[in-house]
Amino acid sequence: MKRPLGYLDGLGTGVAAIALVVAAILASASSHLADTYRELNSAASWPSSTKLVLSSAWRVGAPLALVGAVIAAHVWRPRYALIAIAILAIAVDIFWYVAAWAPVFQVAGNLR
């Protein structure tokens, strides 16, 4: 018999769901940022983290991997897995935001 889902499981699921919505917004914004950066012809100077998060593989793969992890945690129900996935999803969103906007942050300090 599987263990029943508890409060922390629900909390983790809710936080992960919100982080997945943020990831969807970041995926949309990343495609627009990639177009903007290409228009500026600055692709060679992008940090490697920016190249990673602006790739179509990341924009599709990262949210799908997080959804798969949430589903797997609901099926197998290991203890504290959903809280760990929620924390991971938040970390992915923070990394994604910082990496996608890194070229803008670099240029912003040089404007006078």
PDB file of N, CA and C in Angstrom:
ATOM      1  N   MET A   1       0.831  -1.180   0.000  1.00  0.00           N
ATOM      2  CA  MET A   1       0.000   0.000   0.000  1.00  0.00           C
ATOM      3  C   MET A   1       0.876   1.244   0.000  1.00  0.00           C
ATOM      4  N   LYS A   2       0.491   2.197  -0.816  1.00  0.00           N
ATOM      5  CA  LYS A   2       1.260   3.435  -0.892  1.00  0.00           C
ATOM      6  C   LYS A   2       0.967   4.309   0.314  1.00  0.00           C
ATOM      7  N   ARG A   3       1.949   5.086   0.676  1.00  0.00           N
ATOM      8  CA  ARG A   3       1.755   5.996   1.794  1.00  0.00           C
ATOM      9  C   ARG A   3       0.785   7.093   1.371  1.00  0.00           C
ATOM     10  N   PRO A   4      -0.078   7.541   2.264  1.00  0.00           N
ATOM     11  CA  PRO A   4      -1.012   8.615   1.909  1.00  0.00           C
ATOM     12  C   PRO A   4      -0.271   9.938   1.769  1.00  0.00           C
ATOM     13  N   LEU A   5      -0.779  10.776   0.894  1.00  0.00           N
ATOM     14  CA  LEU A   5      -0.183  12.096   0.720  1.00  0.00           C
ATOM     15  C   LEU A   5      -0.529  12.966   1.925  1.00  0.00           C
ATOM     16  N   GLY A   6       0.439  13.754   2.371  1.00  0.00           N
ATOM     17  CA  GLY A   6       0.240  14.605   3.537  1.00  0.00           C
ATOM     18  C   GLY A   6       0.327  16.083   3.190  1.00  0.00           C
ATOM     19  N   TYR A   7       0.370  16.873   4.225  1.00  0.00           N
ATOM     20  CA  TYR A   7       0.411  18.329   4.073  1.00  0.00           C
ATOM     21  C   TYR A   7       1.638  18.783   3.289  1.00  0.00           C
ATOM     22  N   LEU A   8       2.802  18.256   3.622  1.00  0.00           N
ATOM     23  CA  LEU A   8       4.027  18.667   2.937  1.00  0.00           C
ATOM     24  C   LEU A   8       4.003  18.266   1.462  1.00  0.00           C
ATOM     25  N   ASP A   9       3.352  17.175   1.157  1.00  0.00           N
ATOM     26  CA  ASP A   9       3.210  16.775  -0.242  1.00  0.00           C
ATOM     27  C   ASP A   9       2.364  17.792  -1.003  1.00  0.00           C
ATOM     28  N   GLY A  10       1.282  18.229  -0.389  1.00  0.00           N
ATOM     29  CA  GLY A  10       0.437  19.240  -1.009  1.00  0.00           C
ATOM     30  C   GLY A  10       1.143  20.575  -1.149  1.00  0.00           C
ATOM     31  N   LEU A  11       1.897  20.946  -0.120  1.00  0.00           N
ATOM     32  CA  LEU A  11       2.667  22.193  -0.178  1.00  0.00           C
ATOM     33  C   LEU A  11       3.699  22.129  -1.297  1.00  0.00           C
ATOM     34  N   GLY A  12       4.409  21.023  -1.386  1.00  0.00           N
ATOM     35  CA  GLY A  12       5.400  20.856  -2.443  1.00  0.00           C
ATOM     36  C   GLY A  12       4.783  20.882  -3.822  1.00  0.00           C
ATOM     37  N   THR A  13       3.626  20.250  -3.969  1.00  0.00           N
ATOM     38  CA  THR A  13       2.935  20.246  -5.253  1.00  0.00           C
ATOM     39  C   THR A  13       2.503  21.651  -5.637  1.00  0.00           C
ATOM     40  N   GLY A  14       1.963  22.398  -4.687  1.00  0.00           N
ATOM     41  CA  GLY A  14       1.526  23.762  -4.965  1.00  0.00           C
ATOM     42  C   GLY A  14       2.666  24.681  -5.355  1.00  0.00           C
ATOM     43  N   VAL A  15       3.749  24.607  -4.607  1.00  0.00           N
ATOM     44  CA  VAL A  15       4.911  25.449  -4.916  1.00  0.00           C
ATOM     45  C   VAL A  15       5.513  25.040  -6.260  1.00  0.00           C
ATOM     46  N   ALA A  16       5.586  23.745  -6.518  1.00  0.00           N
ATOM     47  CA  ALA A  16       6.116  23.273  -7.805  1.00  0.00           C
ATOM     48  C   ALA A  16       5.222  23.716  -8.951  1.00  0.00           C
ATOM     49  N   ALA A  17       3.914  23.707  -8.745  1.00  0.00           N
ATOM     50  CA  ALA A  17       2.995  24.154  -9.800  1.00  0.00           C
ATOM     51  C   ALA A  17       3.194  25.636 -10.110  1.00  0.00           C
ATOM     52  N   ILE A  18       3.368  26.439  -9.077  1.00  0.00           N
ATOM     53  CA  ILE A  18       3.622  27.870  -9.293  1.00  0.00           C
ATOM     54  C   ILE A  18       4.953  28.059 -10.008  1.00  0.00           C
ATOM     55  N   ALA A  19       5.967  27.297  -9.605  1.00  0.00           N
ATOM     56  CA  ALA A  19       7.273  27.393 -10.270  1.00  0.00           C
ATOM     57  C   ALA A  19       7.186  26.947 -11.725  1.00  0.00           C
ATOM     58  N   LEU A  20       6.319  25.997 -12.031  1.00  0.00           N
ATOM     59  CA  LEU A  20       6.134  25.568 -13.419  1.00  0.00           C
ATOM     60  C   LEU A  20       5.450  26.654 -14.249  1.00  0.00           C
ATOM     61  N   VAL A  21       4.533  27.396 -13.652  1.00  0.00           N
ATOM     62  CA  VAL A  21       3.918  28.527 -14.354  1.00  0.00           C
ATOM     63  C   VAL A  21       4.979  29.590 -14.642  1.00  0.00           C
ATOM     64  N   VAL A  22       5.836  29.852 -13.666  1.00  0.00           N
ATOM     65  CA  VAL A  22       6.932  30.807 -13.874  1.00  0.00           C
ATOM     66  C   VAL A  22       7.873  30.296 -14.964  1.00  0.00           C
ATOM     67  N   ALA A  23       8.133  29.002 -14.992  1.00  0.00           N
ATOM     68  CA  ALA A  23       8.990  28.430 -16.037  1.00  0.00           C
ATOM     69  C   ALA A  23       8.364  28.609 -17.418  1.00  0.00           C
ATOM     70  N   ALA A  24       7.053  28.475 -17.509  1.00  0.00           N
ATOM     71  CA  ALA A  24       6.379  28.701 -18.792  1.00  0.00           C
ATOM     72  C   ALA A  24       6.506  30.157 -19.232  1.00  0.00           C
ATOM     73  N   ILE A  25       6.393  31.073 -18.298  1.00  0.00           N
ATOM     74  CA  ILE A  25       6.570  32.496 -18.611  1.00  0.00           C
ATOM     75  C   ILE A  25       8.006  32.753 -19.046  1.00  0.00           C
ATOM     76  N   LEU A  26       8.969  32.160 -18.343  1.00  0.00           N
ATOM     77  CA  LEU A  26      10.376  32.331 -18.715  1.00  0.00           C
ATOM     78  C   LEU A  26      10.669  31.729 -20.078  1.00  0.00           C
ATOM     79  N   ALA A  27      10.023  30.619 -20.415  1.00  0.00           N
ATOM     80  CA  ALA A  27      10.225  30.010 -21.734  1.00  0.00           C
ATOM     81  C   ALA A  27       9.750  30.956 -22.827  1.00  0.00           C
ATOM     82  N   SER A  28       8.631  31.589 -22.610  1.00  0.00           N
ATOM     83  CA  SER A  28       8.123  32.554 -23.583  1.00  0.00           C
ATOM     84  C   SER A  28       9.043  33.766 -23.687  1.00  0.00           C
ATOM     85  N   ALA A  29       9.463  34.283 -22.544  1.00  0.00           N
ATOM     86  CA  ALA A  29      10.347  35.451 -22.541  1.00  0.00           C
ATOM     87  C   ALA A  29      11.712  35.115 -23.132  1.00  0.00           C
ATOM     88  N   SER A  30      12.180  33.897 -22.924  1.00  0.00           N
ATOM     89  CA  SER A  30      13.496  33.511 -23.442  1.00  0.00           C
ATOM     90  C   SER A  30      13.530  33.515 -24.959  1.00  0.00           C
ATOM     91  N   SER A  31      12.433  33.108 -25.583  1.00  0.00           N
ATOM     92  CA  SER A  31      12.415  33.122 -27.049  1.00  0.00           C
ATOM     93  C   SER A  31      12.481  34.555 -27.569  1.00  0.00           C
ATOM     94  N   HIS A  32      11.818  35.475 -26.891  1.00  0.00           N
ATOM     95  CA  HIS A  32      11.879  36.880 -27.293  1.00  0.00           C
ATOM     96  C   HIS A  32      13.268  37.462 -27.036  1.00  0.00           C
ATOM     97  N   LEU A  33      13.883  37.084 -25.914  1.00  0.00           N
ATOM     98  CA  LEU A  33      15.234  37.554 -25.625  1.00  0.00           C
ATOM     99  C   LEU A  33      16.231  37.029 -26.644  1.00  0.00           C
ATOM    100  N   ALA A  34      16.091  35.783 -27.042  1.00  0.00           N
ATOM    101  CA  ALA A  34      16.997  35.206 -28.033  1.00  0.00           C
ATOM    102  C   ALA A  34      16.905  35.972 -29.347  1.00  0.00           C
ATOM    103  N   ASP A  35      15.692  36.318 -29.754  1.00  0.00           N
ATOM    104  CA  ASP A  35      15.514  37.103 -30.980  1.00  0.00           C
ATOM    105  C   ASP A  35      16.156  38.479 -30.846  1.00  0.00           C
ATOM    106  N   THR A  36      15.970  39.098 -29.703  1.00  0.00           N
ATOM    107  CA  THR A  36      16.548  40.419 -29.466  1.00  0.00           C
ATOM    108  C   THR A  36      18.069  40.365 -29.478  1.00  0.00           C
ATOM    109  N   TYR A  37      18.638  39.381 -28.800  1.00  0.00           N
ATOM    110  CA  TYR A  37      20.090  39.261 -28.767  1.00  0.00           C
ATOM    111  C   TYR A  37      20.653  38.972 -30.161  1.00  0.00           C
ATOM    112  N   ARG A  38      19.940  38.177 -30.958  1.00  0.00           N
ATOM    113  CA  ARG A  38      20.397  37.896 -32.325  1.00  0.00           C
ATOM    114  C   ARG A  38      20.380  39.154 -33.177  1.00  0.00           C
ATOM    115  N   GLU A  39      19.380  39.991 -32.993  1.00  0.00           N
ATOM    116  CA  GLU A  39      19.316  41.256 -33.737  1.00  0.00           C
ATOM    117  C   GLU A  39      20.480  42.164 -33.388  1.00  0.00           C
ATOM    118  N   LEU A  40      20.972  42.053 -32.187  1.00  0.00           N
ATOM    119  CA  LEU A  40      22.115  42.863 -31.759  1.00  0.00           C
ATOM    120  C   LEU A  40      23.450  42.271 -32.197  1.00  0.00           C
ATOM    121  N   ASN A  41      23.418  41.095 -32.816  1.00  0.00           N
ATOM    122  CA  ASN A  41      24.626  40.400 -33.296  1.00  0.00           C
ATOM    123  C   ASN A  41      25.653  40.193 -32.184  1.00  0.00           C
ATOM    124  N   SER A  42      25.195  39.847 -31.030  1.00  0.00           N
ATOM    125  CA  SER A  42      26.113  39.669 -29.909  1.00  0.00           C
ATOM    126  C   SER A  42      26.187  38.213 -29.441  1.00  0.00           C
ATOM    127  N   ALA A  43      25.825  37.276 -30.282  1.00  0.00           N
ATOM    128  CA  ALA A  43      25.763  35.866 -29.870  1.00  0.00           C
ATOM    129  C   ALA A  43      27.113  35.326 -29.426  1.00  0.00           C
ATOM    130  N   ALA A  44      28.189  35.811 -30.001  1.00  0.00           N
ATOM    131  CA  ALA A  44      29.514  35.297 -29.642  1.00  0.00           C
ATOM    132  C   ALA A  44      29.902  35.686 -28.223  1.00  0.00           C
ATOM    133  N   SER A  45      29.357  36.777 -27.725  1.00  0.00           N
ATOM    134  CA  SER A  45      29.746  37.246 -26.396  1.00  0.00           C
ATOM    135  C   SER A  45      28.785  36.804 -25.294  1.00  0.00           C
ATOM    136  N   TRP A  46      27.821  35.958 -25.624  1.00  0.00           N
ATOM    137  CA  TRP A  46      26.910  35.478 -24.597  1.00  0.00           C
ATOM    138  C   TRP A  46      27.647  34.554 -23.632  1.00  0.00           C
ATOM    139  N   PRO A  47      27.348  34.636 -22.353  1.00  0.00           N
ATOM    140  CA  PRO A  47      27.877  33.622 -21.426  1.00  0.00           C
ATOM    141  C   PRO A  47      27.297  32.243 -21.773  1.00  0.00           C
ATOM    142  N   SER A  48      28.001  31.200 -21.414  1.00  0.00           N
ATOM    143  CA  SER A  48      27.528  29.858 -21.761  1.00  0.00           C
ATOM    144  C   SER A  48      26.209  29.531 -21.065  1.00  0.00           C
ATOM    145  N   SER A  49      25.983  30.084 -19.879  1.00  0.00           N
ATOM    146  CA  SER A  49      24.702  29.837 -19.214  1.00  0.00           C
ATOM    147  C   SER A  49      23.555  30.471 -19.993  1.00  0.00           C
ATOM    148  N   THR A  50      23.800  31.621 -20.611  1.00  0.00           N
ATOM    149  CA  THR A  50      22.781  32.267 -21.432  1.00  0.00           C
ATOM    150  C   THR A  50      22.500  31.436 -22.673  1.00  0.00           C
ATOM    151  N   LYS A  51      23.549  30.921 -23.295  1.00  0.00           N
ATOM    152  CA  LYS A  51      23.356  30.066 -24.464  1.00  0.00           C
ATOM    153  C   LYS A  51      22.532  28.833 -24.102  1.00  0.00           C
ATOM    154  N   LEU A  52      22.762  28.297 -22.905  1.00  0.00           N
ATOM    155  CA  LEU A  52      22.028  27.116 -22.460  1.00  0.00           C
ATOM    156  C   LEU A  52      20.539  27.421 -22.305  1.00  0.00           C
ATOM    157  N   VAL A  53      20.203  28.463 -21.544  1.00  0.00           N
ATOM    158  CA  VAL A  53      18.785  28.711 -21.247  1.00  0.00           C
ATOM    159  C   VAL A  53      18.022  29.286 -22.435  1.00  0.00           C
ATOM    160  N   LEU A  54      18.720  29.829 -23.426  1.00  0.00           N
ATOM    161  CA  LEU A  54      18.043  30.338 -24.611  1.00  0.00           C
ATOM    162  C   LEU A  54      17.877  29.271 -25.688  1.00  0.00           C
ATOM    163  N   SER A  55      18.475  28.108 -25.478  1.00  0.00           N
ATOM    164  CA  SER A  55      18.322  27.030 -26.459  1.00  0.00           C
ATOM    165  C   SER A  55      16.908  26.458 -26.372  1.00  0.00           C
ATOM    166  N   SER A  56      16.430  25.988 -27.503  1.00  0.00           N
ATOM    167  CA  SER A  56      15.074  25.432 -27.516  1.00  0.00           C
ATOM    168  C   SER A  56      15.001  24.135 -26.698  1.00  0.00           C
ATOM    169  N   ALA A  57      16.099  23.414 -26.613  1.00  0.00           N
ATOM    170  CA  ALA A  57      16.110  22.193 -25.812  1.00  0.00           C
ATOM    171  C   ALA A  57      15.852  22.504 -24.337  1.00  0.00           C
ATOM    172  N   TRP A  58      16.436  23.567 -23.837  1.00  0.00           N
ATOM    173  CA  TRP A  58      16.214  23.956 -22.440  1.00  0.00           C
ATOM    174  C   TRP A  58      14.781  24.457 -22.252  1.00  0.00           C
ATOM    175  N   ARG A  59      14.325  25.307 -23.176  1.00  0.00           N
ATOM    176  CA  ARG A  59      12.997  25.916 -23.030  1.00  0.00           C
ATOM    177  C   ARG A  59      11.894  24.867 -23.010  1.00  0.00           C
ATOM    178  N   VAL A  60      12.102  23.749 -23.682  1.00  0.00           N
ATOM    179  CA  VAL A  60      11.106  22.679 -23.683  1.00  0.00           C
ATOM    180  C   VAL A  60      11.456  21.625 -22.628  1.00  0.00           C
ATOM    181  N   GLY A  61      12.720  21.278 -22.535  1.00  0.00           N
ATOM    182  CA  GLY A  61      13.139  20.168 -21.681  1.00  0.00           C
ATOM    183  C   GLY A  61      13.051  20.426 -20.199  1.00  0.00           C
ATOM    184  N   ALA A  62      13.429  21.610 -19.751  1.00  0.00           N
ATOM    185  CA  ALA A  62      13.418  21.893 -18.311  1.00  0.00           C
ATOM    186  C   ALA A  62      12.005  21.828 -17.728  1.00  0.00           C
ATOM    187  N   PRO A  63      11.015  22.498 -18.333  1.00  0.00           N
ATOM    188  CA  PRO A  63       9.658  22.360 -17.775  1.00  0.00           C
ATOM    189  C   PRO A  63       9.113  20.933 -17.860  1.00  0.00           C
ATOM    190  N   LEU A  64       9.396  20.233 -18.959  1.00  0.00           N
ATOM    191  CA  LEU A  64       8.919  18.854 -19.073  1.00  0.00           C
ATOM    192  C   LEU A  64       9.564  17.939 -18.032  1.00  0.00           C
ATOM    193  N   ALA A  65      10.839  18.155 -17.763  1.00  0.00           N
ATOM    194  CA  ALA A  65      11.515  17.352 -16.739  1.00  0.00           C
ATOM    195  C   ALA A  65      10.916  17.607 -15.358  1.00  0.00           C
ATOM    196  N   LEU A  66      10.588  18.857 -15.073  1.00  0.00           N
ATOM    197  CA  LEU A  66       9.980  19.171 -13.782  1.00  0.00           C
ATOM    198  C   LEU A  66       8.578  18.575 -13.669  1.00  0.00           C
ATOM    199  N   VAL A  67       7.803  18.648 -14.737  1.00  0.00           N
ATOM    200  CA  VAL A  67       6.467  18.033 -14.726  1.00  0.00           C
ATOM    201  C   VAL A  67       6.594  16.521 -14.531  1.00  0.00           C
ATOM    202  N   GLY A  68       7.533  15.908 -15.227  1.00  0.00           N
ATOM    203  CA  GLY A  68       7.761  14.472 -15.072  1.00  0.00           C
ATOM    204  C   GLY A  68       8.166  14.101 -13.654  1.00  0.00           C
ATOM    205  N   ALA A  69       8.980  14.946 -13.030  1.00  0.00           N
ATOM    206  CA  ALA A  69       9.403  14.674 -11.656  1.00  0.00           C
ATOM    207  C   ALA A  69       8.225  14.766 -10.688  1.00  0.00           C
ATOM    208  N   VAL A  70       7.357  15.759 -10.883  1.00  0.00           N
ATOM    209  CA  VAL A  70       6.182  15.888 -10.013  1.00  0.00           C
ATOM    210  C   VAL A  70       5.257  14.682 -10.185  1.00  0.00           C
ATOM    211  N   ILE A  71       5.039  14.277 -11.419  1.00  0.00           N
ATOM    212  CA  ILE A  71       4.175  13.112 -11.666  1.00  0.00           C
ATOM    213  C   ILE A  71       4.782  11.848 -11.053  1.00  0.00           C
ATOM    214  N   ALA A  72       6.078  11.653 -11.253  1.00  0.00           N
ATOM    215  CA  ALA A  72       6.743  10.473 -10.691  1.00  0.00           C
ATOM    216  C   ALA A  72       6.672  10.472  -9.167  1.00  0.00           C
ATOM    217  N   ALA A  73       6.826  11.643  -8.556  1.00  0.00           N
ATOM    218  CA  ALA A  73       6.748  11.720  -7.097  1.00  0.00           C
ATOM    219  C   ALA A  73       5.342  11.405  -6.592  1.00  0.00           C
ATOM    220  N   HIS A  74       4.322  11.764  -7.370  1.00  0.00           N
ATOM    221  CA  HIS A  74       2.957  11.414  -6.980  1.00  0.00           C
ATOM    222  C   HIS A  74       2.686   9.918  -7.145  1.00  0.00           C
ATOM    223  N   VAL A  75       3.295   9.325  -8.140  1.00  0.00           N
ATOM    224  CA  VAL A  75       3.064   7.897  -8.368  1.00  0.00           C
ATOM    225  C   VAL A  75       3.778   7.053  -7.315  1.00  0.00           C
ATOM    226  N   TRP A  76       5.069   7.310  -7.088  1.00  0.00           N
ATOM    227  CA  TRP A  76       5.852   6.474  -6.174  1.00  0.00           C
ATOM    228  C   TRP A  76       5.814   6.961  -4.735  1.00  0.00           C
ATOM    229  N   ARG A  77       5.528   8.219  -4.517  1.00  0.00           N
ATOM    230  CA  ARG A  77       5.338   8.823  -3.199  1.00  0.00           C
ATOM    231  C   ARG A  77       6.488   8.649  -2.211  1.00  0.00           C
ATOM    232  N   PRO A  78       7.718   8.904  -2.606  1.00  0.00           N
ATOM    233  CA  PRO A  78       8.781   8.884  -1.597  1.00  0.00           C
ATOM    234  C   PRO A  78       8.625  10.092  -0.666  1.00  0.00           C
ATOM    235  N   ARG A  79       9.021   9.907   0.556  1.00  0.00           N
ATOM    236  CA  ARG A  79       8.867  10.960   1.546  1.00  0.00           C
ATOM    237  C   ARG A  79       9.734  12.178   1.180  1.00  0.00           C
ATOM    238  N   TYR A  80       9.177  13.359   1.273  1.00  0.00           N
ATOM    239  CA  TYR A  80       9.820  14.662   1.045  1.00  0.00           C
ATOM    240  C   TYR A  80      10.243  14.903  -0.403  1.00  0.00           C
ATOM    241  N   ALA A  81       9.866  14.046  -1.320  1.00  0.00           N
ATOM    242  CA  ALA A  81      10.265  14.231  -2.717  1.00  0.00           C
ATOM    243  C   ALA A  81       9.621  15.472  -3.322  1.00  0.00           C
ATOM    244  N   LEU A  82       8.357  15.708  -3.012  1.00  0.00           N
ATOM    245  CA  LEU A  82       7.670  16.855  -3.610  1.00  0.00           C
ATOM    246  C   LEU A  82       8.217  18.172  -3.075  1.00  0.00           C
ATOM    247  N   ILE A  83       8.633  18.209  -1.831  1.00  0.00           N
ATOM    248  CA  ILE A  83       9.282  19.418  -1.296  1.00  0.00           C
ATOM    249  C   ILE A  83      10.619  19.623  -1.995  1.00  0.00           C
ATOM    250  N   ALA A  84      11.381  18.558  -2.184  1.00  0.00           N
ATOM    251  CA  ALA A  84      12.669  18.663  -2.877  1.00  0.00           C
ATOM    252  C   ALA A  84      12.481  19.119  -4.322  1.00  0.00           C
ATOM    253  N   ILE A  85      11.451  18.621  -4.991  1.00  0.00           N
ATOM    254  CA  ILE A  85      11.185  19.030  -6.368  1.00  0.00           C
ATOM    255  C   ILE A  85      10.773  20.495  -6.414  1.00  0.00           C
ATOM    256  N   ALA A  86       9.995  20.947  -5.439  1.00  0.00           N
ATOM    257  CA  ALA A  86       9.599  22.352  -5.390  1.00  0.00           C
ATOM    258  C   ALA A  86      10.817  23.254  -5.223  1.00  0.00           C
ATOM    259  N   ILE A  87      11.724  22.867  -4.350  1.00  0.00           N
ATOM    260  CA  ILE A  87      12.953  23.654  -4.157  1.00  0.00           C
ATOM    261  C   ILE A  87      13.791  23.652  -5.431  1.00  0.00           C
ATOM    262  N   LEU A  88      13.884  22.494  -6.075  1.00  0.00           N
ATOM    263  CA  LEU A  88      14.617  22.397  -7.336  1.00  0.00           C
ATOM    264  C   LEU A  88      13.979  23.267  -8.408  1.00  0.00           C
ATOM    265  N   ALA A  89      12.656  23.275  -8.485  1.00  0.00           N
ATOM    266  CA  ALA A  89      11.956  24.081  -9.484  1.00  0.00           C
ATOM    267  C   ALA A  89      12.197  25.569  -9.263  1.00  0.00           C
ATOM    268  N   ILE A  90      12.213  26.003  -8.014  1.00  0.00           N
ATOM    269  CA  ILE A  90      12.511  27.397  -7.711  1.00  0.00           C
ATOM    270  C   ILE A  90      13.944  27.727  -8.112  1.00  0.00           C
ATOM    271  N   ALA A  91      14.875  26.822  -7.820  1.00  0.00           N
ATOM    272  CA  ALA A  91      16.279  27.041  -8.198  1.00  0.00           C
ATOM    273  C   ALA A  91      16.438  27.116  -9.714  1.00  0.00           C
ATOM    274  N   VAL A  92      15.712  26.275 -10.449  1.00  0.00           N
ATOM    275  CA  VAL A  92      15.761  26.308 -11.912  1.00  0.00           C
ATOM    276  C   VAL A  92      15.240  27.641 -12.422  1.00  0.00           C
ATOM    277  N   ASP A  93      14.138  28.130 -11.840  1.00  0.00           N
ATOM    278  CA  ASP A  93      13.586  29.420 -12.260  1.00  0.00           C
ATOM    279  C   ASP A  93      14.558  30.567 -11.998  1.00  0.00           C
ATOM    280  N   ILE A  94      15.199  30.571 -10.854  1.00  0.00           N
ATOM    281  CA  ILE A  94      16.163  31.634 -10.527  1.00  0.00           C
ATOM    282  C   ILE A  94      17.350  31.571 -11.480  1.00  0.00           C
ATOM    283  N   PHE A  95      17.893  30.372 -11.707  1.00  0.00           N
ATOM    284  CA  PHE A  95      19.001  30.223 -12.647  1.00  0.00           C
ATOM    285  C   PHE A  95      18.603  30.694 -14.036  1.00  0.00           C
ATOM    286  N   TRP A  96      17.421  30.288 -14.477  1.00  0.00           N
ATOM    287  CA  TRP A  96      16.925  30.634 -15.803  1.00  0.00           C
ATOM    288  C   TRP A  96      16.835  32.147 -15.957  1.00  0.00           C
ATOM    289  N   TYR A  97      16.258  32.830 -14.982  1.00  0.00           N
ATOM    290  CA  TYR A  97      16.100  34.284 -15.047  1.00  0.00           C
ATOM    291  C   TYR A  97      17.457  34.987 -15.099  1.00  0.00           C
ATOM    292  N   VAL A  98      18.338  34.620 -14.192  1.00  0.00           N
ATOM    293  CA  VAL A  98      19.644  35.280 -14.121  1.00  0.00           C
ATOM    294  C   VAL A  98      20.461  35.012 -15.381  1.00  0.00           C
ATOM    295  N   ALA A  99      20.447  33.775 -15.873  1.00  0.00           N
ATOM    296  CA  ALA A  99      21.225  33.426 -17.062  1.00  0.00           C
ATOM    297  C   ALA A  99      20.656  34.083 -18.315  1.00  0.00           C
ATOM    298  N   ALA A 100      19.340  34.148 -18.435  1.00  0.00           N
ATOM    299  CA  ALA A 100      18.736  34.744 -19.632  1.00  0.00           C
ATOM    300  C   ALA A 100      18.993  36.236 -19.713  1.00  0.00           C
ATOM    301  N   TRP A 101      19.019  36.897 -18.590  1.00  0.00           N
ATOM    302  CA  TRP A 101      19.207  38.346 -18.589  1.00  0.00           C
ATOM    303  C   TRP A 101      20.657  38.767 -18.348  1.00  0.00           C
ATOM    304  N   ALA A 102      21.583  37.827 -18.257  1.00  0.00           N
ATOM    305  CA  ALA A 102      22.991  38.146 -17.986  1.00  0.00           C
ATOM    306  C   ALA A 102      23.582  39.131 -18.998  1.00  0.00           C
ATOM    307  N   PRO A 103      23.350  39.000 -20.306  1.00  0.00           N
ATOM    308  CA  PRO A 103      23.903  40.000 -21.235  1.00  0.00           C
ATOM    309  C   PRO A 103      23.366  41.405 -20.989  1.00  0.00           C
ATOM    310  N   VAL A 104      22.120  41.509 -20.600  1.00  0.00           N
ATOM    311  CA  VAL A 104      21.555  42.829 -20.301  1.00  0.00           C
ATOM    312  C   VAL A 104      22.220  43.402 -19.055  1.00  0.00           C
ATOM    313  N   PHE A 105      22.444  42.562 -18.037  1.00  0.00           N
ATOM    314  CA  PHE A 105      23.091  43.026 -16.823  1.00  0.00           C
ATOM    315  C   PHE A 105      24.526  43.469 -17.105  1.00  0.00           C
ATOM    316  N   GLN A 106      25.223  42.777 -18.026  1.00  0.00           N
ATOM    317  CA  GLN A 106      26.590  43.151 -18.373  1.00  0.00           C
ATOM    318  C   GLN A 106      26.628  44.505 -19.070  1.00  0.00           C
ATOM    319  N   VAL A 107      25.710  44.735 -19.974  1.00  0.00           N
ATOM    320  CA  VAL A 107      25.684  45.981 -20.746  1.00  0.00           C
ATOM    321  C   VAL A 107      25.232  47.149 -19.868  1.00  0.00           C
ATOM    322  N   ALA A 108      24.334  46.889 -18.928  1.00  0.00           N
ATOM    323  CA  ALA A 108      23.762  47.962 -18.121  1.00  0.00           C
ATOM    324  C   ALA A 108      24.823  48.714 -17.333  1.00  0.00           C
ATOM    325  N   GLY A 109      25.856  48.040 -16.881  1.00  0.00           N
ATOM    326  CA  GLY A 109      26.905  48.715 -16.140  1.00  0.00           C
ATOM    327  C   GLY A 109      27.816  49.563 -17.010  1.00  0.00           C
ATOM    328  N   ASN A 110      27.795  49.345 -18.320  1.00  0.00           N
ATOM    329  CA  ASN A 110      28.687  50.071 -19.223  1.00  0.00           C
ATOM    330  C   ASN A 110      28.037  51.285 -19.886  1.00  0.00           C
ATOM    331  N   LEU A 111      26.749  51.467 -19.692  1.00  0.00           N
ATOM    332  CA  LEU A 111      26.057  52.605 -20.313  1.00  0.00           C
ATOM    333  C   LEU A 111      26.341  53.878 -19.524  1.00  0.00           C
ATOM    334  N   ARG A 112      26.538  54.929 -20.269  1.00  0.00           N
ATOM    335  CA  ARG A 112      26.777  56.225 -19.619  1.00  0.00           C
ATOM    336  C   ARG A 112      25.913  57.265 -20.256  1.00  0.00           C
TER     337      ARG A 112
END
